[in-house]
């Protein structure tokens, strides 16, 4: 039994895929905080009203089913990282980056009407990285640190805070890569 458990944990630690990520230019780094300049990217987005149950799992299933072939061409689309979630004034949104296409027209039409495609120009952003699991307490703690960094360095917040999750659910907690990201001026 011990051998099975050790094998399971060893496999979890070494079997992680490396997914394509949006490219950026690093402008400044201070400990676990970075200022970055992003290019424009094409995204697939799904949303639920703020009044609804904020279930990341349901939104993830909608977007994942699209890239796994639930589209008009039954075409699989490569998974990318991160999976991004954020709240705006009306909804809770999740986005997947579509990094293997040059235009929205290159993407097969989704079968689910809750998926929209957009061009996203993040531009200049600040991010703070952390590991382990994400929860409301941790997210607020890192947002507070990022706000302090922005204030102390003369930046202004220009978007809602976004949560980036880079890893699969079976990644060991100490190997997880998460970020709070925000557009800045």
Protein backbone atom coordinates (compact mmCIF):
# COMPACT_ATOMS: atom_id res chain seq x y z
CA UNK A 1 0.00 0.00 0.00
CA UNK A 2 2.83 2.41 0.85
CA UNK A 3 4.37 1.72 -2.55
CA UNK A 4 1.10 2.67 -4.31
CA UNK A 5 0.79 5.92 -2.35
CA UNK A 6 4.44 6.85 -3.00
CA UNK A 7 4.06 6.03 -6.69
CA UNK A 8 0.92 8.18 -6.88
CA UNK A 9 2.63 11.21 -5.32
CA UNK A 10 5.79 10.74 -7.39
CA UNK A 11 3.73 10.57 -10.60
CA UNK A 12 1.82 13.72 -9.62
CA UNK A 13 5.08 15.56 -9.13
CA UNK A 14 6.66 14.69 -12.47
CA UNK A 15 3.74 14.25 -14.86
CA UNK A 16 2.73 17.87 -15.28
CA UNK A 17 2.40 19.08 -18.85
CA UNK A 18 3.78 22.43 -19.81
CA UNK A 19 1.09 24.43 -21.54
CA UNK A 20 1.55 27.36 -23.88
CA UNK A 21 1.11 30.70 -22.08
CA UNK A 22 0.45 34.28 -23.22
CA UNK A 23 3.75 36.00 -23.86
CA UNK A 24 4.75 39.20 -22.11
CA UNK A 25 7.73 41.47 -21.64
CA UNK A 26 8.95 41.72 -18.04
CA UNK A 27 9.28 45.40 -17.08
CA UNK A 28 10.03 45.18 -13.36
CA UNK A 29 10.37 42.46 -10.69
CA UNK A 30 10.24 42.83 -6.93
CA UNK A 31 10.16 39.54 -4.99
CA UNK A 32 6.95 37.76 -6.09
CA UNK A 33 5.52 40.85 -7.85
CA UNK A 34 6.09 41.58 -11.54
CA UNK A 35 5.13 44.42 -13.87
CA UNK A 36 4.52 43.06 -17.38
CA UNK A 37 3.58 44.26 -20.86
CA UNK A 38 1.25 41.84 -22.67
CA UNK A 39 0.39 41.61 -26.35
CA UNK A 40 -3.19 41.24 -27.56
CA UNK A 41 -4.61 37.70 -27.29
CA UNK A 42 -7.74 35.93 -28.47
CA UNK A 43 -9.78 34.43 -25.65
CA UNK A 44 -12.80 32.21 -25.17
CA UNK A 45 -14.97 33.50 -22.34
CA UNK A 46 -18.00 32.32 -20.43
CA UNK A 47 -19.87 34.22 -17.73
CA UNK A 48 -22.47 33.76 -15.04
CA UNK A 49 -24.42 36.54 -13.30
CA UNK A 50 -23.02 37.67 -9.95
CA UNK A 51 -26.34 36.64 -8.40
CA UNK A 52 -25.76 33.01 -9.50
CA UNK A 53 -23.73 30.44 -7.63
CA UNK A 54 -20.09 31.22 -8.42
CA UNK A 55 -19.11 27.79 -9.60
CA UNK A 56 -15.73 27.73 -11.32
CA UNK A 57 -16.35 24.06 -12.13
CA UNK A 58 -19.42 24.80 -14.26
CA UNK A 59 -17.67 27.54 -16.21
CA UNK A 60 -14.59 25.36 -16.63
CA UNK A 61 -16.75 22.52 -18.03
CA UNK A 62 -18.31 24.90 -20.59
CA UNK A 63 -14.92 26.08 -21.89
CA UNK A 64 -13.18 22.69 -21.58
CA UNK A 65 -15.92 20.95 -23.57
CA UNK A 66 -15.31 23.45 -26.39
CA UNK A 67 -11.56 22.81 -26.59
CA UNK A 68 -12.05 19.04 -26.23
CA UNK A 69 -14.17 19.02 -29.40
CA UNK A 70 -17.70 20.21 -28.62
CA UNK A 71 -17.68 22.66 -31.51
CA UNK A 72 -19.00 22.71 -35.08
CA UNK A 73 -15.90 20.96 -36.47
CA UNK A 74 -15.47 18.56 -33.53
CA UNK A 75 -11.93 19.93 -33.47
CA UNK A 76 -9.72 19.66 -30.41
CA UNK A 77 -7.92 22.85 -29.46
CA UNK A 78 -4.72 22.75 -27.36
CA UNK A 79 -5.11 23.60 -23.68
CA UNK A 80 -3.25 26.72 -22.59
CA UNK A 81 -2.47 28.28 -19.23
CA UNK A 82 -3.55 30.12 -17.21
CA UNK A 83 -7.26 29.72 -16.65
CA UNK A 84 -8.35 33.22 -15.61
CA UNK A 85 -11.36 34.20 -13.49
CA UNK A 86 -12.56 37.64 -12.44
CA UNK A 87 -15.61 39.61 -11.34
CA UNK A 88 -16.79 42.69 -13.15
CA UNK A 89 -19.81 44.86 -12.28
CA UNK A 90 -22.37 42.39 -13.66
CA UNK A 91 -20.83 38.93 -13.91
CA UNK A 92 -18.27 36.39 -12.85
CA UNK A 93 -16.13 35.48 -15.89
CA UNK A 94 -13.71 32.73 -16.86
CA UNK A 95 -11.37 32.86 -19.85
CA UNK A 96 -9.20 30.42 -21.76
CA UNK A 97 -6.49 31.83 -24.02
CA UNK A 98 -6.68 30.70 -27.67
CA UNK A 99 -2.97 30.97 -28.43
CA UNK A 100 -2.81 28.79 -31.52
CA UNK A 101 -4.90 31.03 -33.80
CA UNK A 102 -4.34 34.41 -35.42
CA UNK A 103 -7.97 35.56 -35.59
CA UNK A 104 -11.35 34.74 -34.09
CA UNK A 105 -12.50 33.56 -37.53
CA UNK A 106 -9.92 30.72 -37.32
CA UNK A 107 -11.81 29.15 -34.41
CA UNK A 108 -14.63 26.63 -34.91
CA UNK A 109 -18.04 27.87 -33.79
CA UNK A 110 -18.97 26.62 -30.31
CA UNK A 111 -22.02 24.40 -29.76
CA UNK A 112 -22.64 26.16 -26.43
CA UNK A 113 -24.10 29.66 -26.76
CA UNK A 114 -22.51 30.67 -23.44
CA UNK A 115 -19.07 30.93 -25.05
CA UNK A 116 -17.93 34.22 -26.58
CA UNK A 117 -14.68 35.02 -28.34
CA UNK A 118 -12.91 38.33 -27.87
CA UNK A 119 -9.61 40.04 -28.42
CA UNK A 120 -8.10 40.86 -25.06
CA UNK A 121 -5.40 43.48 -24.79
CA UNK A 122 -4.14 43.33 -21.22
CA UNK A 123 -1.38 45.84 -21.94
CA UNK A 124 0.56 46.81 -18.82
CA UNK A 125 -0.21 44.62 -15.78
CA UNK A 126 1.05 43.91 -12.30
CA UNK A 127 0.98 40.38 -10.90
CA UNK A 128 1.72 38.69 -7.62
CA UNK A 129 2.53 34.97 -7.55
CA UNK A 130 1.75 32.38 -4.90
CA UNK A 131 1.50 28.61 -4.50
CA UNK A 132 -0.74 26.12 -2.72
CA UNK A 133 -4.53 26.31 -3.03
CA UNK A 134 -6.60 29.41 -3.69
CA UNK A 135 -9.36 30.57 -1.35
CA UNK A 136 -11.10 33.88 -0.61
CA UNK A 137 -8.83 34.71 2.34
CA UNK A 138 -5.64 34.11 0.36
CA UNK A 139 -6.93 35.99 -2.68
CA UNK A 140 -7.82 39.06 -0.57
CA UNK A 141 -4.45 38.89 1.19
CA UNK A 142 -2.53 38.96 -2.12
CA UNK A 143 -4.80 41.63 -3.60
CA UNK A 144 -3.99 43.79 -0.56
CA UNK A 145 -0.23 43.28 -1.11
CA UNK A 146 -0.60 44.11 -4.80
CA UNK A 147 -2.62 47.27 -4.01
CA UNK A 148 0.13 48.38 -1.63
CA UNK A 149 2.76 47.76 -4.34
CA UNK A 150 0.74 49.80 -6.87
CA UNK A 151 0.34 52.70 -4.43
CA UNK A 152 4.01 52.67 -3.38
CA UNK A 153 5.19 52.61 -7.02
CA UNK A 154 2.85 55.21 -8.50
CA UNK A 155 0.61 52.84 -10.48
CA UNK A 156 -3.18 53.03 -10.77
CA UNK A 157 -5.45 49.99 -10.98
CA UNK A 158 -7.21 49.90 -14.40
CA UNK A 159 -9.21 46.64 -14.22
CA UNK A 160 -10.74 44.21 -11.77
CA UNK A 161 -8.32 41.82 -10.11
CA UNK A 162 -7.97 38.56 -12.07
CA UNK A 163 -7.04 35.16 -10.65
CA UNK A 164 -4.73 33.08 -12.85
CA UNK A 165 -4.46 29.36 -12.15
CA UNK A 166 -1.76 27.52 -14.11
CA UNK A 167 -1.97 23.92 -12.93
CA UNK A 168 -4.16 20.85 -13.14
CA UNK A 169 -6.19 19.84 -10.07
CA UNK A 170 -3.83 16.95 -9.25
CA UNK A 171 -0.72 19.13 -9.01
CA UNK A 172 0.84 18.90 -5.58
CA UNK A 173 -0.15 22.00 -3.56
CA UNK A 174 3.39 23.31 -3.07
CA UNK A 175 4.00 23.03 -6.84
CA UNK A 176 0.91 25.02 -7.80
CA UNK A 177 1.36 28.33 -9.56
CA UNK A 178 -1.27 31.02 -9.04
CA UNK A 179 -1.32 34.77 -9.61
CA UNK A 180 -3.40 37.81 -8.97
CA UNK A 181 -3.16 39.99 -12.09
CA UNK A 182 -4.42 43.54 -12.65
CA UNK A 183 -4.17 46.03 -15.51
CA UNK A 184 -2.37 49.22 -14.49
CA UNK A 185 -1.68 52.75 -15.69
